[in-house]
N, C-alpha and C. Protein backbone atom coordinates (compact mmCIF):
# COMPACT_ATOMS: atom_id res chain seq x y z
N MET A 1 57.71 126.38 88.59
CA MET A 1 58.76 125.68 87.97
C MET A 1 58.99 124.27 88.57
N ALA A 2 58.95 123.29 87.81
CA ALA A 2 59.08 121.91 88.25
C ALA A 2 60.60 121.50 88.71
N ALA A 3 60.67 120.72 89.67
CA ALA A 3 62.15 120.24 90.04
C ALA A 3 62.76 119.46 89.06
N GLN A 4 63.97 119.88 88.65
CA GLN A 4 64.74 119.18 87.70
C GLN A 4 65.31 117.92 88.27
N GLN A 5 65.05 116.71 87.64
CA GLN A 5 65.68 115.47 87.96
C GLN A 5 67.09 115.38 87.61
N ARG A 6 67.93 115.41 88.48
CA ARG A 6 69.48 115.40 88.14
C ARG A 6 69.94 113.87 88.51
N PRO A 7 70.85 113.44 87.78
CA PRO A 7 71.34 112.15 88.28
C PRO A 7 72.23 112.36 89.57
N LEU A 8 72.21 111.28 90.51
CA LEU A 8 72.92 111.26 91.57
C LEU A 8 74.30 110.85 91.29
N SER A 9 75.38 111.66 92.02
CA SER A 9 76.74 111.31 91.73
C SER A 9 76.94 109.82 92.51
N PRO A 10 77.83 109.22 91.98
CA PRO A 10 78.18 107.88 92.64
C PRO A 10 78.57 107.89 94.15
N HIS A 11 78.23 106.97 94.91
CA HIS A 11 78.44 106.99 96.19
C HIS A 11 78.92 105.65 96.61
N LEU A 12 79.31 105.36 97.90
CA LEU A 12 79.79 104.03 98.25
C LEU A 12 78.76 102.93 98.18
N GLN A 13 77.53 103.22 98.10
CA GLN A 13 76.66 102.13 98.01
C GLN A 13 76.51 101.68 96.45
N ILE A 14 76.82 102.69 95.51
CA ILE A 14 76.76 102.29 94.22
C ILE A 14 78.21 102.04 93.62
N TYR A 15 78.98 103.00 93.94
CA TYR A 15 80.48 102.90 93.38
C TYR A 15 81.23 101.81 94.41
N ARG A 16 81.83 100.88 93.44
CA ARG A 16 82.68 99.77 94.10
C ARG A 16 84.10 100.25 94.15
N LEU A 17 84.73 100.34 95.30
CA LEU A 17 86.10 100.74 95.40
C LEU A 17 87.01 99.70 94.76
N PRO A 18 88.02 100.25 93.98
CA PRO A 18 88.96 99.19 93.65
C PRO A 18 89.76 98.47 94.68
N LEU A 19 90.43 97.33 94.32
CA LEU A 19 91.14 96.72 95.32
C LEU A 19 92.35 97.60 95.96
N ALA A 20 92.94 98.25 95.19
CA ALA A 20 93.98 99.17 95.69
C ALA A 20 93.46 100.12 96.75
N ALA A 21 92.34 100.69 96.53
CA ALA A 21 91.83 101.51 97.61
C ALA A 21 91.31 100.74 98.80
N ARG A 22 90.81 99.66 98.52
CA ARG A 22 90.47 98.75 99.84
C ARG A 22 91.58 98.49 100.70
N LEU A 23 92.70 98.02 99.85
CA LEU A 23 93.99 97.69 100.55
C LEU A 23 94.49 98.83 101.34
N SER A 24 94.38 100.16 100.76
CA SER A 24 94.91 101.22 101.46
C SER A 24 94.20 101.49 102.68
N ILE A 25 92.76 101.34 102.56
CA ILE A 25 91.95 101.47 103.92
C ILE A 25 92.32 100.38 104.88
N LEU A 26 92.44 99.19 104.39
CA LEU A 26 92.88 97.96 105.22
C LEU A 26 94.23 98.41 105.99
N HIS A 27 95.18 98.83 105.10
CA HIS A 27 96.45 99.18 105.65
C HIS A 27 96.38 100.05 106.83
N ARG A 28 95.61 101.02 106.74
CA ARG A 28 95.43 102.01 107.96
C ARG A 28 94.78 101.23 109.06
N GLY A 29 93.67 100.43 108.76
CA GLY A 29 93.05 99.75 109.91
C GLY A 29 93.82 98.75 110.50
N THR A 30 94.71 97.93 109.68
CA THR A 30 95.47 97.02 110.40
C THR A 30 96.55 97.81 111.21
N GLY A 31 96.92 98.91 110.85
CA GLY A 31 97.84 99.62 111.72
C GLY A 31 97.41 99.99 113.04
N VAL A 32 96.00 100.32 113.13
CA VAL A 32 95.38 100.55 114.26
C VAL A 32 95.15 99.41 115.16
N PHE A 33 94.80 98.28 114.45
CA PHE A 33 94.76 96.89 115.18
C PHE A 33 95.93 96.52 115.68
N LEU A 34 97.02 96.72 115.02
CA LEU A 34 98.29 96.41 115.61
C LEU A 34 98.71 97.22 116.75
N CYS A 35 98.25 98.38 116.95
CA CYS A 35 98.55 99.05 118.28
C CYS A 35 97.74 98.41 119.37
N LEU A 36 96.61 97.92 119.15
CA LEU A 36 95.87 97.02 120.28
C LEU A 36 96.61 95.78 120.57
N GLY A 37 97.16 95.17 119.48
CA GLY A 37 98.07 93.88 119.79
C GLY A 37 99.30 94.30 120.49
N ALA A 38 99.86 95.49 120.41
CA ALA A 38 101.05 96.01 121.11
C ALA A 38 100.66 96.12 122.51
N PHE A 39 99.48 96.51 122.78
CA PHE A 39 99.12 96.60 124.20
C PHE A 39 98.99 95.38 124.82
N VAL A 40 98.48 94.38 124.20
CA VAL A 40 98.40 92.87 124.73
C VAL A 40 99.68 92.32 124.79
N LEU A 41 100.73 92.68 124.06
CA LEU A 41 102.05 92.33 124.13
C LEU A 41 102.74 92.87 125.33
N VAL A 42 102.48 94.18 125.65
CA VAL A 42 103.05 94.77 126.77
C VAL A 42 102.42 94.11 128.11
N TRP A 43 101.04 93.88 128.04
CA TRP A 43 100.43 93.15 129.16
C TRP A 43 101.08 91.90 129.35
N TRP A 44 101.32 91.04 128.50
CA TRP A 44 101.99 89.87 128.58
C TRP A 44 103.28 89.91 129.24
N LEU A 45 104.10 90.87 128.69
CA LEU A 45 105.49 91.02 129.15
C LEU A 45 105.35 91.57 130.77
N PHE A 46 104.54 92.46 131.00
CA PHE A 46 104.30 92.79 132.45
C PHE A 46 103.82 91.66 133.30
N ALA A 47 102.96 90.89 132.72
CA ALA A 47 102.55 89.72 133.52
C ALA A 47 103.69 88.70 133.85
N ALA A 48 104.55 88.56 132.82
CA ALA A 48 105.66 87.60 132.95
C ALA A 48 106.73 88.30 134.01
N ALA A 49 106.99 89.49 133.82
CA ALA A 49 107.86 90.09 134.76
C ALA A 49 107.29 90.28 136.28
N ASN A 50 105.91 90.25 136.46
CA ASN A 50 105.39 90.59 137.65
C ASN A 50 105.50 89.44 138.62
N SER A 51 104.84 88.26 138.43
CA SER A 51 104.75 87.11 139.30
C SER A 51 104.07 85.96 138.63
N PRO A 52 104.31 84.74 139.18
CA PRO A 52 103.90 83.69 138.42
C PRO A 52 102.33 83.61 138.55
N GLU A 53 101.65 84.08 139.47
CA GLU A 53 100.19 84.08 139.56
C GLU A 53 99.69 85.12 138.34
N GLU A 54 100.19 86.13 138.22
CA GLU A 54 99.90 87.22 137.34
C GLU A 54 100.02 86.56 135.95
N TYR A 55 101.22 85.94 135.70
CA TYR A 55 101.42 85.28 134.40
C TYR A 55 100.45 84.11 134.09
N GLU A 56 100.18 83.36 135.10
CA GLU A 56 99.13 82.28 134.84
C GLU A 56 97.78 82.93 134.65
N ARG A 57 97.55 83.98 135.28
CA ARG A 57 96.18 84.60 135.12
C ARG A 57 96.19 85.00 133.49
N PHE A 58 97.19 85.67 133.03
CA PHE A 58 97.36 85.98 131.64
C PHE A 58 97.04 84.82 130.64
N VAL A 59 97.80 83.80 131.04
CA VAL A 59 97.83 82.50 130.23
C VAL A 59 96.42 81.97 130.10
N SER A 60 95.73 82.01 131.40
CA SER A 60 94.30 81.38 131.22
C SER A 60 93.36 82.40 130.47
N ILE A 61 93.55 83.62 130.52
CA ILE A 61 92.80 84.44 129.49
C ILE A 61 93.22 84.25 128.07
N ALA A 62 94.50 84.12 127.88
CA ALA A 62 94.86 84.05 126.51
C ALA A 62 94.67 82.60 125.81
N ARG A 63 94.12 81.73 126.62
CA ARG A 63 93.69 80.33 126.06
C ARG A 63 92.24 80.34 125.58
N SER A 64 91.47 81.41 125.96
CA SER A 64 90.09 81.45 125.51
C SER A 64 89.99 81.63 124.03
N TRP A 65 88.84 81.25 123.51
CA TRP A 65 88.71 81.49 122.11
C TRP A 65 88.70 82.84 121.60
N PRO A 66 88.09 83.73 122.42
CA PRO A 66 88.25 85.26 121.87
C PRO A 66 89.70 85.68 121.61
N ALA A 67 90.56 85.30 122.78
CA ALA A 67 91.90 85.66 122.67
C ALA A 67 92.54 85.03 121.46
N LYS A 68 92.29 83.94 121.24
CA LYS A 68 92.84 82.97 120.00
C LYS A 68 92.43 83.85 118.79
N LEU A 69 91.12 84.29 118.73
CA LEU A 69 90.62 84.94 117.44
C LEU A 69 91.43 86.36 117.50
N PHE A 70 91.56 86.87 118.64
CA PHE A 70 92.21 88.18 118.57
C PHE A 70 93.59 88.04 118.01
N LEU A 71 94.24 87.01 118.52
CA LEU A 71 95.75 86.70 118.05
C LEU A 71 95.70 86.34 116.72
N LEU A 72 94.88 85.73 116.04
CA LEU A 72 94.77 85.38 114.55
C LEU A 72 94.59 86.77 113.89
N GLY A 73 93.64 87.68 114.48
CA GLY A 73 93.47 88.81 113.64
C GLY A 73 94.66 89.70 113.72
N THR A 74 95.46 89.65 114.88
CA THR A 74 96.75 90.44 115.05
C THR A 74 97.77 89.87 114.02
N ILE A 75 97.81 88.51 113.88
CA ILE A 75 98.76 88.01 113.01
C ILE A 75 98.47 88.45 111.54
N PHE A 76 97.10 88.25 111.19
CA PHE A 76 96.86 88.67 109.83
C PHE A 76 96.96 90.19 109.58
N SER A 77 96.86 91.04 110.60
CA SER A 77 96.99 92.41 110.50
C SER A 77 98.51 92.65 110.27
N LEU A 78 99.26 91.94 111.09
CA LEU A 78 100.77 92.07 110.90
C LEU A 78 101.31 91.83 109.42
N CYS A 79 100.68 90.61 108.96
CA CYS A 79 101.18 90.16 107.62
C CYS A 79 100.60 91.10 106.43
N LEU A 80 99.29 91.49 106.61
CA LEU A 80 98.80 92.42 105.57
C LEU A 80 99.54 93.90 105.57
N HIS A 81 99.63 94.37 106.77
CA HIS A 81 100.52 95.55 107.00
C HIS A 81 101.79 95.66 106.57
N PHE A 82 102.59 94.45 106.62
CA PHE A 82 103.94 94.19 106.28
C PHE A 82 103.96 94.16 104.71
N PHE A 83 103.03 93.46 104.13
CA PHE A 83 103.12 93.26 102.56
C PHE A 83 102.55 94.57 102.04
N THR A 84 101.66 95.26 102.45
CA THR A 84 101.21 96.38 101.74
C THR A 84 102.30 97.50 101.94
N GLY A 85 102.99 97.51 103.07
CA GLY A 85 104.15 98.41 103.51
C GLY A 85 105.23 98.29 102.40
N LEU A 86 105.45 96.90 102.10
CA LEU A 86 106.53 96.57 101.16
C LEU A 86 106.14 97.11 99.74
N ARG A 87 104.89 96.86 99.44
CA ARG A 87 104.42 97.28 98.06
C ARG A 87 104.61 98.86 97.93
N HIS A 88 104.22 99.55 99.15
CA HIS A 88 104.30 101.11 98.98
C HIS A 88 105.87 101.34 98.84
N LEU A 89 106.68 100.66 99.51
CA LEU A 89 108.11 100.90 99.37
C LEU A 89 108.58 100.74 97.85
N LEU A 90 108.15 99.68 97.29
CA LEU A 90 108.44 99.53 95.86
C LEU A 90 107.78 100.67 94.99
N TRP A 91 106.67 101.13 95.35
CA TRP A 91 106.11 102.20 94.54
C TRP A 91 106.83 103.36 94.73
N ASP A 92 107.25 103.72 95.88
CA ASP A 92 108.19 104.91 96.18
C ASP A 92 109.48 104.87 95.39
N ILE A 93 110.03 103.78 95.00
CA ILE A 93 111.27 103.87 94.19
C ILE A 93 110.72 103.65 92.72
N GLY A 94 109.63 103.70 92.44
CA GLY A 94 109.00 103.82 90.96
C GLY A 94 108.81 102.37 90.32
N LEU A 95 108.71 101.32 91.17
CA LEU A 95 108.65 100.10 90.62
C LEU A 95 107.03 99.67 90.73
N GLY A 96 106.37 98.93 89.80
CA GLY A 96 105.13 98.50 89.87
C GLY A 96 104.10 99.58 89.84
N LEU A 97 104.20 100.65 89.10
CA LEU A 97 103.33 101.68 89.00
C LEU A 97 102.42 101.53 87.77
N GLU A 98 102.73 100.54 86.70
CA GLU A 98 101.83 100.47 85.71
C GLU A 98 100.56 99.68 86.14
N LEU A 99 99.55 100.09 85.35
CA LEU A 99 98.15 99.54 85.87
C LEU A 99 98.09 98.02 85.98
N LYS A 100 98.66 97.29 85.10
CA LYS A 100 98.75 95.83 85.15
C LYS A 100 99.56 95.38 86.26
N GLN A 101 100.59 96.09 86.56
CA GLN A 101 101.40 95.56 87.79
C GLN A 101 100.78 96.00 89.05
N THR A 102 100.07 97.10 89.07
CA THR A 102 99.49 97.39 90.27
C THR A 102 98.39 96.33 90.62
N LEU A 103 97.46 96.12 89.60
CA LEU A 103 96.55 94.99 89.61
C LEU A 103 97.16 93.70 90.28
N ALA A 104 98.13 93.23 89.55
CA ALA A 104 98.91 92.05 90.05
C ALA A 104 99.44 92.12 91.59
N SER A 105 99.92 93.18 91.83
CA SER A 105 100.62 93.44 93.21
C SER A 105 99.39 93.45 94.20
N ASN A 106 98.46 93.96 93.82
CA ASN A 106 97.22 93.99 94.81
C ASN A 106 96.92 92.43 95.27
N TRP A 107 96.76 91.63 94.10
CA TRP A 107 96.37 90.20 94.52
C TRP A 107 97.57 89.50 95.11
N LEU A 108 98.73 89.81 94.77
CA LEU A 108 100.08 89.37 95.30
C LEU A 108 99.98 89.54 96.93
N VAL A 109 99.68 90.71 97.27
CA VAL A 109 99.73 91.16 98.56
C VAL A 109 98.62 90.43 99.36
N VAL A 110 97.47 90.25 98.82
CA VAL A 110 96.46 89.65 99.70
C VAL A 110 96.78 88.00 99.67
N LEU A 111 97.35 87.41 98.58
CA LEU A 111 97.80 86.18 98.67
C LEU A 111 98.93 85.82 99.62
N ALA A 112 100.03 86.68 99.65
CA ALA A 112 101.02 86.64 100.52
C ALA A 112 100.59 86.72 101.99
N ALA A 113 99.72 87.64 102.28
CA ALA A 113 99.29 87.98 103.58
C ALA A 113 98.59 86.64 104.25
N ALA A 114 97.74 86.03 103.22
CA ALA A 114 96.84 84.89 103.51
C ALA A 114 97.80 83.76 103.86
N LEU A 115 98.81 83.54 103.07
CA LEU A 115 99.71 82.46 103.17
C LEU A 115 100.57 82.57 104.38
N ALA A 116 101.07 83.89 104.59
CA ALA A 116 101.97 84.08 105.72
C ALA A 116 101.09 83.89 107.09
N THR A 117 99.94 84.36 107.01
CA THR A 117 99.00 84.12 108.21
C THR A 117 98.81 82.67 108.53
N VAL A 118 98.55 81.88 107.49
CA VAL A 118 98.34 80.48 107.65
C VAL A 118 99.77 79.99 108.20
N GLY A 119 100.84 80.20 107.61
CA GLY A 119 102.13 79.54 108.17
C GLY A 119 102.49 80.04 109.52
N ILE A 120 102.31 81.21 109.78
CA ILE A 120 102.65 81.69 111.26
C ILE A 120 101.63 81.20 112.10
N THR A 121 100.36 80.98 111.86
CA THR A 121 99.39 80.51 112.75
C THR A 121 99.66 78.97 112.99
N TRP A 122 100.08 78.33 111.99
CA TRP A 122 100.40 76.81 112.03
C TRP A 122 101.67 76.56 112.91
N LEU A 123 102.56 77.63 112.69
CA LEU A 123 103.84 77.49 113.54
C LEU A 123 103.54 77.74 114.92
N ALA A 124 102.73 78.84 115.27
CA ALA A 124 102.50 79.27 116.57
C ALA A 124 101.41 78.33 117.43
N PHE A 125 100.39 77.84 116.75
CA PHE A 125 99.32 77.11 117.44
C PHE A 125 99.61 75.64 117.45
N PHE A 126 100.05 75.17 116.27
CA PHE A 126 100.05 73.70 116.17
C PHE A 126 101.44 73.05 116.43
N HIS A 127 102.50 73.63 115.67
CA HIS A 127 103.73 73.11 115.76
C HIS A 127 104.51 73.38 116.94
N ALA A 128 104.48 74.66 117.43
CA ALA A 128 105.19 74.99 118.52
C ALA A 128 104.50 74.78 119.86
N GLY A 129 103.09 74.49 119.74
CA GLY A 129 102.32 74.20 120.99
C GLY A 129 101.88 75.44 121.82
N VAL A 130 102.06 76.72 121.18
CA VAL A 130 101.70 77.89 121.79
C VAL A 130 100.17 77.99 121.94
N LEU A 131 99.76 78.24 123.24
CA LEU A 131 98.38 78.33 123.51
C LEU A 131 97.51 77.12 122.97
N PRO A 132 97.86 76.00 123.50
CA PRO A 132 97.20 74.74 122.98
C PRO A 132 95.64 74.83 123.32
């Protein structure tokens, strides 16, 4: 008896996840990344409370380009996590559950997170002179 050729079920290499599913996965990922950012925040506070030498060592590490990239990722994670969380709160009270509204809110979340990231980064890095 010959093996019967059956169609393969869709998998992640074939099936393209909708934007809502991708944002849901990113929401979880940004939550994990924000935990790492919280550890760096605690490190900064301990360095500031410990001694001027310890704080100067932290600042010298924080001025490196990998640290600035990490800070940018943390700012983006905070913004995306915030806006996706707001969207979920609106969904919990029954707003925006229609398909067109969900699609619009997906792109609104991405746009708001991008604009907020640019705004906060501009304020932190350029306007306020943090980590020149």
